[in-house]
Amino acid sequence: MKPQQLREELQEGDTPDLHRRRGIVAFSLIGMASMAAVSLYQMGLIRHLPDLPLSRFDSDRVNASDTAYQFGVPDGTLTLAGHATNAAMAAFGGKGRMAEQPWVPIAASGKAAIEAAIAAKYLFYEMPAVENKWCGYCIVDALMHIGTFVLTLPEAAQALHSFRNHQPRTSNVQPRTSNHS
């Protein structure tokens, strides 16, 4: 696809899939904003993350936990990269990519599913049960991952259908075997 055609399709296209892909980019940018603040804190560039004035919220505590550093890198930076990748995957290809490049929406949905599952575990288990505190930035992040996954599903389903319909059919004819012993 020529750059001019891609630009026109992405900027002017008016299909449900393109609207969902734009939603993924928006969700990804919101998630990146929340994780940018967390990353600034986790890297020592800022000393405090402002919170909602509720006793159950302590973003500093949640983001300074052992869980937040368990992979040898602050989790905010990893999550930032995940959102950036989701945005790039949503922007990849023209309006007909589910038929022309079905692996893109399938891969995007698979990646988003993994991130949504991790985010849900963190949101519904780690913060309330392990940390006993909530992080507003992390809640926004988790909701953006879950929303991204939901938005990937229709195009991934279409792409999977397209992928299956364009696979070479195998013959039902069995090869002859020799009875020579």
C-alpha atoms as a PDB file:
ATOM      1  CA  MET A   1       0.000   0.000   0.000  1.00  0.00           C
ATOM      2  CA  LYS A   2       1.318   3.421  -0.894  1.00  0.00           C
ATOM      3  CA  PRO A   3       1.857   5.918   1.955  1.00  0.00           C
ATOM      4  CA  GLN A   4      -0.718   8.322   0.490  1.00  0.00           C
ATOM      5  CA  GLN A   5      -3.390   5.603   0.445  1.00  0.00           C
ATOM      6  CA  LEU A   6      -2.579   4.524   4.006  1.00  0.00           C
ATOM      7  CA  ARG A   7      -2.699   8.118   5.228  1.00  0.00           C
ATOM      8  CA  GLU A   8      -6.058   8.708   3.538  1.00  0.00           C
ATOM      9  CA  GLU A   9      -7.561   5.468   4.868  1.00  0.00           C
ATOM     10  CA  LEU A  10      -6.374   6.063   8.440  1.00  0.00           C
ATOM     11  CA  GLN A  11      -7.348   9.733   8.536  1.00  0.00           C
ATOM     12  CA  GLU A  12     -10.533   9.721   6.462  1.00  0.00           C
ATOM     13  CA  GLY A  13     -11.781   6.124   6.636  1.00  0.00           C
ATOM     14  CA  ASP A  14     -15.188   5.627   8.200  1.00  0.00           C
ATOM     15  CA  THR A  15     -15.515   1.930   9.006  1.00  0.00           C
ATOM     16  CA  PRO A  16     -16.398   0.383  12.358  1.00  0.00           C
ATOM     17  CA  ASP A  17     -12.974  -1.301  12.486  1.00  0.00           C
ATOM     18  CA  LEU A  18     -11.165   2.015  11.946  1.00  0.00           C
ATOM     19  CA  HIS A  19     -13.280   3.644  14.657  1.00  0.00           C
ATOM     20  CA  ARG A  20     -12.309   0.859  17.064  1.00  0.00           C
ATOM     21  CA  ARG A  21      -8.643   1.137  16.046  1.00  0.00           C
ATOM     22  CA  ARG A  22      -8.786   4.879  16.772  1.00  0.00           C
ATOM     23  CA  GLY A  23     -10.301   4.007  20.144  1.00  0.00           C
ATOM     24  CA  ILE A  24      -7.361   1.681  20.817  1.00  0.00           C
ATOM     25  CA  VAL A  25      -4.947   4.521  20.059  1.00  0.00           C
ATOM     26  CA  ALA A  26      -6.883   6.840  22.389  1.00  0.00           C
ATOM     27  CA  PHE A  27      -6.974   4.211  25.170  1.00  0.00           C
ATOM     28  CA  SER A  28      -3.267   3.559  24.667  1.00  0.00           C
ATOM     29  CA  LEU A  29      -2.401   7.244  24.963  1.00  0.00           C
ATOM     30  CA  ILE A  30      -4.482   7.564  28.145  1.00  0.00           C
ATOM     31  CA  GLY A  31      -2.744   4.486  29.560  1.00  0.00           C
ATOM     32  CA  MET A  32       0.627   5.928  28.573  1.00  0.00           C
ATOM     33  CA  ALA A  33      -0.164   9.193  30.357  1.00  0.00           C
ATOM     34  CA  SER A  34      -1.025   7.362  33.575  1.00  0.00           C
ATOM     35  CA  MET A  35       2.077   5.169  33.337  1.00  0.00           C
ATOM     36  CA  ALA A  36       4.281   8.145  32.435  1.00  0.00           C
ATOM     37  CA  ALA A  37       3.494   9.623  35.858  1.00  0.00           C
ATOM     38  CA  VAL A  38       4.162   6.258  37.530  1.00  0.00           C
ATOM     39  CA  SER A  39       7.435   5.885  35.607  1.00  0.00           C
ATOM     40  CA  LEU A  40       8.555   9.338  36.714  1.00  0.00           C
ATOM     41  CA  TYR A  41       7.950   8.277  40.322  1.00  0.00           C
ATOM     42  CA  GLN A  42       9.513   4.830  39.977  1.00  0.00           C
ATOM     43  CA  MET A  43      12.666   6.304  38.435  1.00  0.00           C
ATOM     44  CA  GLY A  44      13.032   8.968  41.132  1.00  0.00           C
ATOM     45  CA  LEU A  45      12.270  11.932  38.887  1.00  0.00           C
ATOM     46  CA  ILE A  46       9.378  12.923  41.138  1.00  0.00           C
ATOM     47  CA  ARG A  47       8.994  12.109  44.841  1.00  0.00           C
ATOM     48  CA  HIS A  48       5.215  11.778  45.181  1.00  0.00           C
ATOM     49  CA  LEU A  49       2.203  10.738  43.125  1.00  0.00           C
ATOM     50  CA  PRO A  50      -0.863  12.787  44.052  1.00  0.00           C
ATOM     51  CA  ASP A  51      -3.850  10.643  45.048  1.00  0.00           C
ATOM     52  CA  LEU A  52      -7.565  10.911  45.506  1.00  0.00           C
ATOM     53  CA  PRO A  53      -8.239  12.124  49.074  1.00  0.00           C
ATOM     54  CA  LEU A  54      -9.436   8.678  50.201  1.00  0.00           C
ATOM     55  CA  SER A  55      -7.678   6.537  52.808  1.00  0.00           C
ATOM     56  CA  ARG A  56      -7.567   3.443  50.570  1.00  0.00           C
ATOM     57  CA  PHE A  57      -5.482   5.235  47.913  1.00  0.00           C
ATOM     58  CA  ASP A  58      -1.690   5.245  48.188  1.00  0.00           C
ATOM     59  CA  SER A  59      -0.102   5.293  44.745  1.00  0.00           C
ATOM     60  CA  ASP A  60       3.357   5.812  46.215  1.00  0.00           C
ATOM     61  CA  ARG A  61       3.110   2.606  48.246  1.00  0.00           C
ATOM     62  CA  VAL A  62       1.695   0.527  45.387  1.00  0.00           C
ATOM     63  CA  ASN A  63       4.286   1.750  42.878  1.00  0.00           C
ATOM     64  CA  ALA A  64       7.230   1.334  45.260  1.00  0.00           C
ATOM     65  CA  SER A  65       6.253  -2.259  46.146  1.00  0.00           C
ATOM     66  CA  ASP A  66       8.437  -5.269  45.431  1.00  0.00           C
ATOM     67  CA  THR A  67       5.819  -6.370  42.882  1.00  0.00           C
ATOM     68  CA  ALA A  68       6.406  -3.161  40.905  1.00  0.00           C
ATOM     69  CA  TYR A  69      10.131  -3.999  40.520  1.00  0.00           C
ATOM     70  CA  GLN A  70      10.002  -7.791  40.310  1.00  0.00           C
ATOM     71  CA  PHE A  71      11.111  -8.028  36.669  1.00  0.00           C
ATOM     72  CA  GLY A  72      14.326  -6.060  37.136  1.00  0.00           C
ATOM     73  CA  VAL A  73      12.727  -2.960  35.644  1.00  0.00           C
ATOM     74  CA  PRO A  74       9.962  -0.738  37.027  1.00  0.00           C
ATOM     75  CA  ASP A  75       6.598  -2.039  35.829  1.00  0.00           C
ATOM     76  CA  GLY A  76       5.475   1.451  34.815  1.00  0.00           C
ATOM     77  CA  THR A  77       8.071   1.551  32.042  1.00  0.00           C
ATOM     78  CA  LEU A  78       7.086  -1.922  30.824  1.00  0.00           C
ATOM     79  CA  THR A  79       3.426  -0.953  30.759  1.00  0.00           C
ATOM     80  CA  LEU A  80       4.248   2.275  28.936  1.00  0.00           C
ATOM     81  CA  ALA A  81       5.978   0.226  26.235  1.00  0.00           C
ATOM     82  CA  GLY A  82       2.983  -2.118  26.061  1.00  0.00           C
ATOM     83  CA  HIS A  83       0.580   0.753  25.445  1.00  0.00           C
ATOM     84  CA  ALA A  84       2.912   2.239  22.820  1.00  0.00           C
ATOM     85  CA  THR A  85       3.024  -1.116  21.030  1.00  0.00           C
ATOM     86  CA  ASN A  86      -0.786  -1.368  21.125  1.00  0.00           C
ATOM     87  CA  ALA A  87      -1.040   2.062  19.497  1.00  0.00           C
ATOM     88  CA  ALA A  88       1.437   1.081  16.776  1.00  0.00           C
ATOM     89  CA  MET A  89      -0.386  -2.197  16.122  1.00  0.00           C
ATOM     90  CA  ALA A  90      -3.712  -0.351  15.859  1.00  0.00           C
ATOM     91  CA  ALA A  91      -2.161   2.032  13.325  1.00  0.00           C
ATOM     92  CA  PHE A  92      -0.569  -0.735  11.255  1.00  0.00           C
ATOM     93  CA  GLY A  93      -2.145  -1.286   7.844  1.00  0.00           C
ATOM     94  CA  GLY A  94      -5.093   0.057   5.955  1.00  0.00           C
ATOM     95  CA  LYS A  95      -8.802  -0.458   6.343  1.00  0.00           C
ATOM     96  CA  GLY A  96      -8.730  -3.911   4.738  1.00  0.00           C
ATOM     97  CA  ARG A  97      -5.970  -5.369   6.888  1.00  0.00           C
ATOM     98  CA  MET A  98      -8.178  -8.088   8.370  1.00  0.00           C
ATOM     99  CA  ALA A  99      -8.320  -9.687   4.925  1.00  0.00           C
ATOM    100  CA  GLU A 100      -4.928  -8.619   3.543  1.00  0.00           C
ATOM    101  CA  GLN A 101      -2.835  -9.028   6.720  1.00  0.00           C
ATOM    102  CA  PRO A 102      -4.985 -11.074   9.106  1.00  0.00           C
ATOM    103  CA  TRP A 103      -2.047 -11.836  11.383  1.00  0.00           C
ATOM    104  CA  VAL A 104      -1.914  -8.164  12.483  1.00  0.00           C
ATOM    105  CA  PRO A 105      -5.339  -7.950  14.179  1.00  0.00           C
ATOM    106  CA  ILE A 106      -4.984 -11.523  15.472  1.00  0.00           C
ATOM    107  CA  ALA A 107      -1.599 -10.729  17.047  1.00  0.00           C
ATOM    108  CA  ALA A 108      -2.893  -7.408  18.385  1.00  0.00           C
ATOM    109  CA  SER A 109      -5.822  -9.119  20.063  1.00  0.00           C
ATOM    110  CA  GLY A 110      -3.646 -11.885  21.503  1.00  0.00           C
ATOM    111  CA  LYS A 111      -1.223  -9.346  22.954  1.00  0.00           C
ATOM    112  CA  ALA A 112      -4.079  -7.254  24.320  1.00  0.00           C
ATOM    113  CA  ALA A 113      -5.672 -10.358  25.895  1.00  0.00           C
ATOM    114  CA  ILE A 114      -2.495 -11.144  27.821  1.00  0.00           C
ATOM    115  CA  GLU A 115      -2.145  -7.553  29.014  1.00  0.00           C
ATOM    116  CA  ALA A 116      -5.824  -7.345  29.985  1.00  0.00           C
ATOM    117  CA  ALA A 117      -5.521 -10.557  32.017  1.00  0.00           C
ATOM    118  CA  ILE A 118      -2.429  -9.256  33.809  1.00  0.00           C
ATOM    119  CA  ALA A 119      -4.106  -5.880  34.407  1.00  0.00           C
ATOM    120  CA  ALA A 120      -7.258  -7.548  35.758  1.00  0.00           C
ATOM    121  CA  LYS A 121      -5.199  -9.700  38.134  1.00  0.00           C
ATOM    122  CA  TYR A 122      -3.372  -6.611  39.356  1.00  0.00           C
ATOM    123  CA  LEU A 123      -6.548  -4.544  39.623  1.00  0.00           C
ATOM    124  CA  PHE A 124      -8.729  -7.150  41.308  1.00  0.00           C
ATOM    125  CA  TYR A 125      -6.158  -9.084  43.342  1.00  0.00           C
ATOM    126  CA  GLU A 126      -2.753  -7.441  43.809  1.00  0.00           C
ATOM    127  CA  MET A 127      -3.869  -3.962  44.845  1.00  0.00           C
ATOM    128  CA  PRO A 128      -6.725  -4.882  47.197  1.00  0.00           C
ATOM    129  CA  ALA A 129      -5.387  -8.181  48.597  1.00  0.00           C
ATOM    130  CA  VAL A 130      -1.587  -7.876  48.526  1.00  0.00           C
ATOM    131  CA  GLU A 131      -0.898  -4.138  48.758  1.00  0.00           C
ATOM    132  CA  ASN A 132      -4.103  -3.309  50.680  1.00  0.00           C
ATOM    133  CA  LYS A 133      -4.098   0.032  48.855  1.00  0.00           C
ATOM    134  CA  TRP A 134      -5.241   1.368  45.523  1.00  0.00           C
ATOM    135  CA  CYS A 135      -3.411   3.333  42.864  1.00  0.00           C
ATOM    136  CA  GLY A 136      -5.569   5.591  40.705  1.00  0.00           C
ATOM    137  CA  TYR A 137      -2.965   5.606  37.942  1.00  0.00           C
ATOM    138  CA  CYS A 138      -2.945   1.806  37.922  1.00  0.00           C
ATOM    139  CA  ILE A 139      -6.734   1.650  37.796  1.00  0.00           C
ATOM    140  CA  VAL A 140      -6.734   3.894  34.724  1.00  0.00           C
ATOM    141  CA  ASP A 141      -3.988   1.760  33.196  1.00  0.00           C
ATOM    142  CA  ALA A 142      -5.854  -1.500  33.836  1.00  0.00           C
ATOM    143  CA  LEU A 143      -9.115  -0.152  32.426  1.00  0.00           C
ATOM    144  CA  MET A 144      -7.296   1.013  29.273  1.00  0.00           C
ATOM    145  CA  HIS A 145      -5.787  -2.466  28.796  1.00  0.00           C
ATOM    146  CA  ILE A 146      -9.166  -4.128  29.260  1.00  0.00           C
ATOM    147  CA  GLY A 147     -10.836  -1.614  26.912  1.00  0.00           C
ATOM    148  CA  THR A 148      -8.130  -2.141  24.303  1.00  0.00           C
ATOM    149  CA  PHE A 149      -8.674  -5.891  24.395  1.00  0.00           C
ATOM    150  CA  VAL A 150     -12.433  -5.496  23.978  1.00  0.00           C
ATOM    151  CA  LEU A 151     -11.915  -3.181  20.992  1.00  0.00           C
ATOM    152  CA  THR A 152      -9.587  -5.699  19.277  1.00  0.00           C
ATOM    153  CA  LEU A 153     -12.081  -8.556  19.340  1.00  0.00           C
ATOM    154  CA  PRO A 154     -14.364  -7.787  16.344  1.00  0.00           C
ATOM    155  CA  GLU A 155     -11.525  -7.204  13.888  1.00  0.00           C
ATOM    156  CA  ALA A 156      -9.574 -10.203  15.187  1.00  0.00           C
ATOM    157  CA  ALA A 157     -12.644 -12.406  14.719  1.00  0.00           C
ATOM    158  CA  GLN A 158     -13.032 -11.162  11.140  1.00  0.00           C
ATOM    159  CA  ALA A 159      -9.323 -11.671  10.493  1.00  0.00           C
ATOM    160  CA  LEU A 160      -9.426 -15.200  11.879  1.00  0.00           C
ATOM    161  CA  HIS A 161     -12.389 -15.979   9.627  1.00  0.00           C
ATOM    162  CA  SER A 162     -10.563 -14.467   6.635  1.00  0.00           C
ATOM    163  CA  PHE A 163      -7.378 -16.348   7.511  1.00  0.00           C
ATOM    164  CA  ARG A 164      -9.224 -19.663   7.725  1.00  0.00           C
ATOM    165  CA  ASN A 165     -11.030 -19.086   4.425  1.00  0.00           C
ATOM    166  CA  HIS A 166      -7.809 -18.362   2.540  1.00  0.00           C
ATOM    167  CA  GLN A 167      -5.767 -21.324   3.753  1.00  0.00           C
ATOM    168  CA  PRO A 168      -4.966 -23.891   1.100  1.00  0.00           C
ATOM    169  CA  ARG A 169      -7.328 -26.825   1.415  1.00  0.00           C
ATOM    170  CA  THR A 170      -5.781 -30.197   1.998  1.00  0.00           C
ATOM    171  CA  SER A 171      -7.001 -33.027  -0.120  1.00  0.00           C
ATOM    172  CA  ASN A 172      -9.118 -35.760   1.431  1.00  0.00           C
ATOM    173  CA  VAL A 173      -7.548 -38.269  -0.949  1.00  0.00           C
ATOM    174  CA  GLN A 174      -5.286 -40.600   0.972  1.00  0.00           C
ATOM    175  CA  PRO A 175      -2.003 -41.541  -0.665  1.00  0.00           C
ATOM    176  CA  ARG A 176      -1.815 -45.108  -1.838  1.00  0.00           C
ATOM    177  CA  THR A 177       0.272 -47.358   0.288  1.00  0.00           C
ATOM    178  CA  SER A 178       2.174 -50.257  -1.055  1.00  0.00           C
ATOM    179  CA  ASN A 179       1.210 -53.754   0.012  1.00  0.00           C
ATOM    180  CA  HIS A 180       4.663 -55.048  -0.785  1.00  0.00           C
ATOM    181  CA  SER A 181       6.304 -56.581   2.230  1.00  0.00           C
END
